[in-house]
């Protein structure tokens, strides 16, 4: 299978408890994966390391702002 194009994500059989993440996922999900995900396969370590480092930086930079916005939103919802 080496040298062939990968199958579409919906045709990949995964073991129970394993999720497949498309690296273009929203920052909220991609950031959590970059910080806490468990690597199962890596066919391009330099590309994965660049993605992981960049995603972690952006996610951590935006985390405080997102929490603040969440608090403002929840406060507005409780007031009606």
N, C-alpha and C. Protein backbone atom coordinates (compact mmCIF):
# COMPACT_ATOMS: atom_id res chain seq x y z
N UNK A 1 0.81 -1.18 0.00
CA UNK A 1 0.00 0.00 0.00
C UNK A 1 0.87 1.26 0.00
N UNK A 2 2.15 1.14 0.27
CA UNK A 2 3.03 2.30 0.25
C UNK A 2 3.09 2.85 -1.16
N UNK A 3 3.02 4.18 -1.28
CA UNK A 3 3.08 4.81 -2.59
C UNK A 3 1.74 5.00 -3.24
N UNK A 4 0.67 4.54 -2.61
CA UNK A 4 -0.67 4.73 -3.18
C UNK A 4 -1.35 5.88 -2.46
N UNK A 5 -2.36 6.42 -3.11
CA UNK A 5 -3.15 7.49 -2.48
C UNK A 5 -3.93 6.91 -1.31
N UNK A 6 -4.07 7.68 -0.23
CA UNK A 6 -4.83 7.18 0.91
C UNK A 6 -6.32 7.08 0.56
N UNK A 7 -7.04 6.17 1.21
CA UNK A 7 -8.47 6.05 0.96
C UNK A 7 -9.22 7.25 1.56
N UNK A 8 -10.43 7.50 1.10
CA UNK A 8 -11.22 8.56 1.72
C UNK A 8 -11.46 8.25 3.19
N UNK A 9 -11.55 9.27 4.06
CA UNK A 9 -11.69 9.03 5.49
C UNK A 9 -12.90 8.17 5.86
N UNK A 10 -13.98 8.28 5.10
CA UNK A 10 -15.17 7.52 5.45
C UNK A 10 -15.05 6.04 5.11
N UNK A 11 -13.98 5.64 4.40
CA UNK A 11 -13.77 4.24 4.07
C UNK A 11 -12.68 3.58 4.92
N UNK A 12 -12.22 4.27 5.95
CA UNK A 12 -11.17 3.73 6.81
C UNK A 12 -11.82 3.03 7.99
N UNK A 13 -11.50 1.76 8.16
CA UNK A 13 -12.00 1.01 9.32
C UNK A 13 -11.11 1.33 10.51
N UNK A 14 -11.72 1.85 11.57
CA UNK A 14 -10.98 2.23 12.77
C UNK A 14 -11.38 1.35 13.94
N UNK A 15 -10.43 1.05 14.80
CA UNK A 15 -10.77 0.30 16.02
C UNK A 15 -11.71 1.12 16.91
N UNK A 16 -12.43 0.45 17.75
CA UNK A 16 -13.32 1.14 18.70
C UNK A 16 -12.51 2.12 19.54
N UNK A 17 -13.07 3.31 19.74
CA UNK A 17 -12.42 4.31 20.57
C UNK A 17 -11.42 5.19 19.83
N UNK A 18 -11.26 4.97 18.52
CA UNK A 18 -10.32 5.77 17.73
C UNK A 18 -11.13 6.67 16.80
N UNK A 19 -10.81 7.96 16.80
CA UNK A 19 -11.45 8.92 15.91
C UNK A 19 -10.44 9.39 14.88
N UNK A 20 -10.92 9.63 13.69
CA UNK A 20 -10.07 10.14 12.62
C UNK A 20 -10.30 11.64 12.52
N UNK A 21 -9.23 12.41 12.52
CA UNK A 21 -9.34 13.87 12.44
C UNK A 21 -8.75 14.36 11.14
N UNK A 22 -9.54 15.10 10.38
CA UNK A 22 -9.03 15.78 9.19
C UNK A 22 -8.32 17.02 9.69
N UNK A 23 -7.09 17.24 9.28
CA UNK A 23 -6.28 18.30 9.86
C UNK A 23 -6.80 19.71 9.59
N UNK A 24 -7.80 19.84 8.77
CA UNK A 24 -8.41 21.14 8.54
C UNK A 24 -9.56 21.41 9.49
N UNK A 25 -9.65 20.67 10.57
CA UNK A 25 -10.75 20.81 11.52
C UNK A 25 -10.73 22.18 12.19
N UNK A 26 -11.85 22.56 12.77
CA UNK A 26 -11.96 23.83 13.48
C UNK A 26 -10.90 23.91 14.59
N UNK A 27 -10.47 25.13 14.90
CA UNK A 27 -9.40 25.34 15.87
C UNK A 27 -9.72 24.72 17.23
N UNK A 28 -10.96 24.80 17.67
CA UNK A 28 -11.35 24.24 18.97
C UNK A 28 -11.01 22.75 19.05
N UNK A 29 -11.31 22.01 18.02
CA UNK A 29 -11.02 20.58 18.00
C UNK A 29 -9.54 20.32 17.68
N UNK A 30 -9.03 20.98 16.65
CA UNK A 30 -7.63 20.75 16.25
C UNK A 30 -6.67 21.09 17.38
N UNK A 31 -6.95 22.15 18.13
CA UNK A 31 -6.08 22.54 19.24
C UNK A 31 -6.05 21.49 20.34
N UNK A 32 -7.22 20.95 20.66
CA UNK A 32 -7.25 19.91 21.70
C UNK A 32 -6.51 18.66 21.23
N UNK A 33 -6.64 18.34 19.95
CA UNK A 33 -5.92 17.18 19.41
C UNK A 33 -4.41 17.45 19.41
N UNK A 34 -4.01 18.63 19.00
CA UNK A 34 -2.57 18.97 18.96
C UNK A 34 -1.95 18.92 20.35
N UNK A 35 -2.74 19.27 21.37
CA UNK A 35 -2.23 19.26 22.74
C UNK A 35 -2.32 17.89 23.41
N UNK A 36 -3.43 17.19 23.20
CA UNK A 36 -3.70 15.99 24.00
C UNK A 36 -3.90 14.72 23.20
N UNK A 37 -3.91 14.81 21.86
CA UNK A 37 -4.18 13.63 21.04
C UNK A 37 -3.04 12.64 21.08
N UNK A 38 -3.37 11.39 20.80
CA UNK A 38 -2.35 10.33 20.76
C UNK A 38 -2.08 9.98 19.30
N UNK A 39 -0.84 10.09 18.90
CA UNK A 39 -0.43 9.82 17.53
C UNK A 39 -0.43 8.32 17.28
N UNK A 40 -1.12 7.90 16.22
CA UNK A 40 -1.18 6.49 15.87
C UNK A 40 -0.35 6.16 14.63
N UNK A 41 -0.20 7.13 13.73
CA UNK A 41 0.51 6.90 12.48
C UNK A 41 1.07 8.23 12.00
N UNK A 42 2.26 8.22 11.46
CA UNK A 42 2.88 9.46 11.00
C UNK A 42 3.72 9.16 9.77
N UNK A 43 3.20 9.52 8.59
CA UNK A 43 3.96 9.25 7.37
C UNK A 43 4.76 10.46 6.89
N UNK A 44 4.63 11.59 7.61
CA UNK A 44 5.38 12.80 7.24
C UNK A 44 5.70 13.58 8.52
N UNK A 45 6.68 13.11 9.32
CA UNK A 45 6.98 13.76 10.60
C UNK A 45 7.23 15.26 10.52
N UNK A 46 8.00 15.78 9.54
CA UNK A 46 8.20 17.24 9.50
C UNK A 46 6.89 18.01 9.32
N UNK A 47 6.01 17.52 8.45
CA UNK A 47 4.72 18.20 8.22
C UNK A 47 3.86 18.11 9.47
N UNK A 48 3.85 16.96 10.12
CA UNK A 48 3.05 16.80 11.34
C UNK A 48 3.57 17.71 12.44
N UNK A 49 4.88 17.81 12.57
CA UNK A 49 5.46 18.66 13.61
C UNK A 49 5.14 20.13 13.36
N UNK A 50 5.20 20.55 12.09
CA UNK A 50 4.84 21.95 11.75
C UNK A 50 3.37 22.21 12.09
N UNK A 51 2.48 21.29 11.68
CA UNK A 51 1.05 21.45 11.97
C UNK A 51 0.81 21.50 13.47
N UNK A 52 1.41 20.57 14.19
CA UNK A 52 1.19 20.48 15.63
C UNK A 52 1.69 21.73 16.34
N UNK A 53 2.88 22.20 15.99
CA UNK A 53 3.44 23.38 16.64
C UNK A 53 2.60 24.62 16.34
N UNK A 54 2.24 24.82 15.08
CA UNK A 54 1.44 25.98 14.70
C UNK A 54 0.05 25.94 15.33
N UNK A 55 -0.56 24.78 15.32
CA UNK A 55 -1.90 24.64 15.89
C UNK A 55 -1.88 24.89 17.39
N UNK A 56 -0.90 24.36 18.08
CA UNK A 56 -0.78 24.60 19.53
C UNK A 56 -0.62 26.09 19.83
N UNK A 57 0.26 26.76 19.08
CA UNK A 57 0.49 28.19 19.31
C UNK A 57 -0.79 29.00 19.12
N UNK A 58 -1.47 28.78 18.03
CA UNK A 58 -2.69 29.55 17.75
C UNK A 58 -3.77 29.22 18.77
N UNK A 59 -3.94 27.93 19.07
CA UNK A 59 -4.97 27.51 20.03
C UNK A 59 -4.72 28.13 21.41
N UNK A 60 -3.50 28.06 21.88
CA UNK A 60 -3.19 28.61 23.20
C UNK A 60 -3.30 30.13 23.22
N UNK A 61 -2.94 30.78 22.12
CA UNK A 61 -3.10 32.24 22.03
C UNK A 61 -4.57 32.64 22.08
N UNK A 62 -5.42 31.85 21.47
CA UNK A 62 -6.85 32.18 21.37
C UNK A 62 -7.67 31.66 22.55
N UNK A 63 -7.11 30.77 23.34
CA UNK A 63 -7.86 30.12 24.42
C UNK A 63 -8.46 31.12 25.41
N UNK A 64 -7.68 32.07 25.89
CA UNK A 64 -8.20 33.05 26.85
C UNK A 64 -9.32 33.90 26.24
N UNK A 65 -9.11 34.34 25.01
CA UNK A 65 -10.13 35.14 24.34
C UNK A 65 -11.43 34.35 24.17
N UNK A 66 -11.31 33.09 23.80
CA UNK A 66 -12.50 32.26 23.61
C UNK A 66 -13.23 32.03 24.94
N UNK A 67 -12.50 31.80 26.00
CA UNK A 67 -13.15 31.63 27.32
C UNK A 67 -13.87 32.90 27.75
N UNK A 68 -13.26 34.05 27.50
CA UNK A 68 -13.90 35.32 27.83
C UNK A 68 -15.19 35.50 27.04
N UNK A 69 -15.14 35.20 25.74
CA UNK A 69 -16.34 35.29 24.92
C UNK A 69 -17.42 34.32 25.39
N UNK A 70 -17.02 33.13 25.78
CA UNK A 70 -17.99 32.14 26.31
C UNK A 70 -18.67 32.67 27.57
N UNK A 71 -17.89 33.31 28.47
CA UNK A 71 -18.47 33.87 29.71
C UNK A 71 -19.46 34.99 29.38
N UNK A 72 -19.09 35.85 28.44
CA UNK A 72 -19.98 36.94 28.05
C UNK A 72 -21.28 36.38 27.45
N UNK A 73 -21.15 35.38 26.61
CA UNK A 73 -22.32 34.76 25.99
C UNK A 73 -23.23 34.14 27.05
N UNK A 74 -22.64 33.36 27.97
CA UNK A 74 -23.45 32.70 29.01
C UNK A 74 -24.11 33.74 29.91
N UNK A 75 -23.41 34.81 30.24
CA UNK A 75 -23.99 35.87 31.08
C UNK A 75 -25.18 36.51 30.36
N UNK A 76 -25.07 36.75 29.09
CA UNK A 76 -26.18 37.31 28.32
C UNK A 76 -27.37 36.37 28.24
N UNK A 77 -27.09 35.08 28.13
CA UNK A 77 -28.20 34.10 28.07
C UNK A 77 -28.93 33.99 29.40
N UNK A 78 -28.22 34.12 30.51
CA UNK A 78 -28.89 34.00 31.82
C UNK A 78 -29.71 35.25 32.13
N UNK A 79 -29.33 36.39 31.56
CA UNK A 79 -30.09 37.61 31.78
C UNK A 79 -31.34 37.68 30.92
N UNK A 80 -31.38 36.85 29.92
CA UNK A 80 -32.58 36.82 29.08
C UNK A 80 -32.32 37.38 27.78
